Amino acid sequence: MARFIVEVMLKPEILDSQGQAVARALPRLGFEGVTEVRQGKRFEIELEGPADEAATERVRKMAETLLANPVIETFELRAE
């Protein structure tokens, strides 16, 4: 069984309002010294078969088609 992790993040030039809200809340909760928070998504995908090039390409297509919006997000893909 092949297992892949896809991590999706907003591009650096895109405003991350949720990350900013978390960054503002942390000091109120006693967590000082945080300079920036960026929020993302993590997908764990399991496929039948080995984690070979074909499986990696299938998951890459999934990320490009559904998991990430290429206009405002980037993604990283890795096999576990």
C-alpha atoms as a PDB file:
ATOM      1  CA  MET A   1       0.000   0.000   0.000  1.00  0.00           C
ATOM      2  CA  ALA A   2       1.300   3.437  -0.943  1.00  0.00           C
ATOM      3  CA  ARG A   3       0.828   6.350   1.426  1.00  0.00           C
ATOM      4  CA  PHE A   4       1.276   9.969   0.367  1.00  0.00           C
ATOM      5  CA  ILE A   5       1.145  13.279   2.201  1.00  0.00           C
ATOM      6  CA  VAL A   6       0.024  16.408   0.349  1.00  0.00           C
ATOM      7  CA  GLU A   7       0.532  19.690   2.197  1.00  0.00           C
ATOM      8  CA  VAL A   8      -1.241  22.708   0.702  1.00  0.00           C
ATOM      9  CA  MET A   9      -0.368  26.299   1.628  1.00  0.00           C
ATOM     10  CA  LEU A  10      -1.398  29.710   0.399  1.00  0.00           C
ATOM     11  CA  LYS A  11       1.222  31.350  -1.780  1.00  0.00           C
ATOM     12  CA  PRO A  12       3.337  33.828   0.223  1.00  0.00           C
ATOM     13  CA  GLU A  13       1.842  36.820  -1.590  1.00  0.00           C
ATOM     14  CA  ILE A  14      -1.726  35.787  -0.687  1.00  0.00           C
ATOM     15  CA  LEU A  15      -3.190  37.263   2.506  1.00  0.00           C
ATOM     16  CA  ASP A  16      -3.730  34.520   5.100  1.00  0.00           C
ATOM     17  CA  SER A  17      -6.531  35.993   7.220  1.00  0.00           C
ATOM     18  CA  GLN A  18      -6.973  32.820   9.268  1.00  0.00           C
ATOM     19  CA  GLY A  19      -3.267  32.715  10.044  1.00  0.00           C
ATOM     20  CA  GLN A  20      -3.385  36.373  11.058  1.00  0.00           C
ATOM     21  CA  ALA A  21      -6.356  35.712  13.367  1.00  0.00           C
ATOM     22  CA  VAL A  22      -4.438  32.907  15.070  1.00  0.00           C
ATOM     23  CA  ALA A  23      -1.337  35.106  15.374  1.00  0.00           C
ATOM     24  CA  ARG A  24      -3.407  37.837  17.071  1.00  0.00           C
ATOM     25  CA  ALA A  25      -5.058  35.364  19.461  1.00  0.00           C
ATOM     26  CA  LEU A  26      -1.887  33.640  20.652  1.00  0.00           C
ATOM     27  CA  PRO A  27      -0.552  36.545  22.778  1.00  0.00           C
ATOM     28  CA  ARG A  28      -3.952  36.902  24.449  1.00  0.00           C
ATOM     29  CA  LEU A  29      -3.596  33.248  25.451  1.00  0.00           C
ATOM     30  CA  GLY A  30      -0.127  33.806  26.892  1.00  0.00           C
ATOM     31  CA  PHE A  31       1.966  32.661  23.897  1.00  0.00           C
ATOM     32  CA  GLU A  32       4.395  35.511  23.302  1.00  0.00           C
ATOM     33  CA  GLY A  33       7.019  35.927  20.609  1.00  0.00           C
ATOM     34  CA  VAL A  34       5.070  34.541  17.646  1.00  0.00           C
ATOM     35  CA  THR A  35       5.889  36.680  14.613  1.00  0.00           C
ATOM     36  CA  GLU A  36       3.810  34.968  11.914  1.00  0.00           C
ATOM     37  CA  VAL A  37       1.310  32.138  11.457  1.00  0.00           C
ATOM     38  CA  ARG A  38       0.346  30.632   8.097  1.00  0.00           C
ATOM     39  CA  GLN A  39      -2.464  28.105   7.936  1.00  0.00           C
ATOM     40  CA  GLY A  40      -2.552  25.213   5.493  1.00  0.00           C
ATOM     41  CA  LYS A  41      -4.166  21.861   4.756  1.00  0.00           C
ATOM     42  CA  ARG A  42      -2.734  18.349   5.001  1.00  0.00           C
ATOM     43  CA  PHE A  43      -4.097  15.379   3.080  1.00  0.00           C
ATOM     44  CA  GLU A  44      -3.075  11.773   3.753  1.00  0.00           C
ATOM     45  CA  ILE A  45      -3.827   9.550   0.777  1.00  0.00           C
ATOM     46  CA  GLU A  46      -3.451   5.781   0.592  1.00  0.00           C
ATOM     47  CA  LEU A  47      -3.409   3.951  -2.733  1.00  0.00           C
ATOM     48  CA  GLU A  48      -3.314   0.294  -3.617  1.00  0.00           C
ATOM     49  CA  GLY A  49       0.071  -0.862  -4.847  1.00  0.00           C
ATOM     50  CA  PRO A  50       3.588   0.503  -4.409  1.00  0.00           C
ATOM     51  CA  ALA A  51       4.635   4.130  -4.007  1.00  0.00           C
ATOM     52  CA  ASP A  52       6.246   4.206  -7.442  1.00  0.00           C
ATOM     53  CA  GLU A  53       6.445   6.966 -10.057  1.00  0.00           C
ATOM     54  CA  ALA A  54       2.988   6.137 -11.439  1.00  0.00           C
ATOM     55  CA  ALA A  55       1.380   6.399  -7.990  1.00  0.00           C
ATOM     56  CA  THR A  56       3.219   9.643  -7.293  1.00  0.00           C
ATOM     57  CA  GLU A  57       1.973  11.088 -10.578  1.00  0.00           C
ATOM     58  CA  ARG A  58      -1.619  10.034  -9.766  1.00  0.00           C
ATOM     59  CA  VAL A  59      -1.484  11.864  -6.432  1.00  0.00           C
ATOM     60  CA  ARG A  60       0.164  14.886  -8.084  1.00  0.00           C
ATOM     61  CA  LYS A  61      -2.768  15.046 -10.522  1.00  0.00           C
ATOM     62  CA  MET A  62      -5.208  14.799  -7.584  1.00  0.00           C
ATOM     63  CA  ALA A  63      -3.480  17.737  -5.910  1.00  0.00           C
ATOM     64  CA  GLU A  64      -3.428  19.826  -9.087  1.00  0.00           C
ATOM     65  CA  THR A  65      -7.066  19.034  -9.916  1.00  0.00           C
ATOM     66  CA  LEU A  66      -8.843  19.047  -6.560  1.00  0.00           C
ATOM     67  CA  LEU A  67      -6.729  19.435  -3.440  1.00  0.00           C
ATOM     68  CA  ALA A  68      -5.012  22.738  -4.257  1.00  0.00           C
ATOM     69  CA  ASN A  69      -6.094  25.856  -6.122  1.00  0.00           C
ATOM     70  CA  PRO A  70      -3.019  26.633  -8.264  1.00  0.00           C
ATOM     71  CA  VAL A  71      -3.987  30.298  -8.545  1.00  0.00           C
ATOM     72  CA  ILE A  72      -3.549  30.977  -4.829  1.00  0.00           C
ATOM     73  CA  GLU A  73      -1.979  27.810  -3.346  1.00  0.00           C
ATOM     74  CA  THR A  74       1.109  25.666  -3.655  1.00  0.00           C
ATOM     75  CA  PHE A  75       1.496  22.063  -2.571  1.00  0.00           C
ATOM     76  CA  GLU A  76       4.226  19.676  -1.521  1.00  0.00           C
ATOM     77  CA  LEU A  77       3.913  15.952  -2.101  1.00  0.00           C
ATOM     78  CA  ARG A  78       5.854  13.167  -0.441  1.00  0.00           C
ATOM     79  CA  ALA A  79       5.555   9.427  -0.041  1.00  0.00           C
ATOM     80  CA  GLU A  80       5.688   7.972   3.452  1.00  0.00           C
END
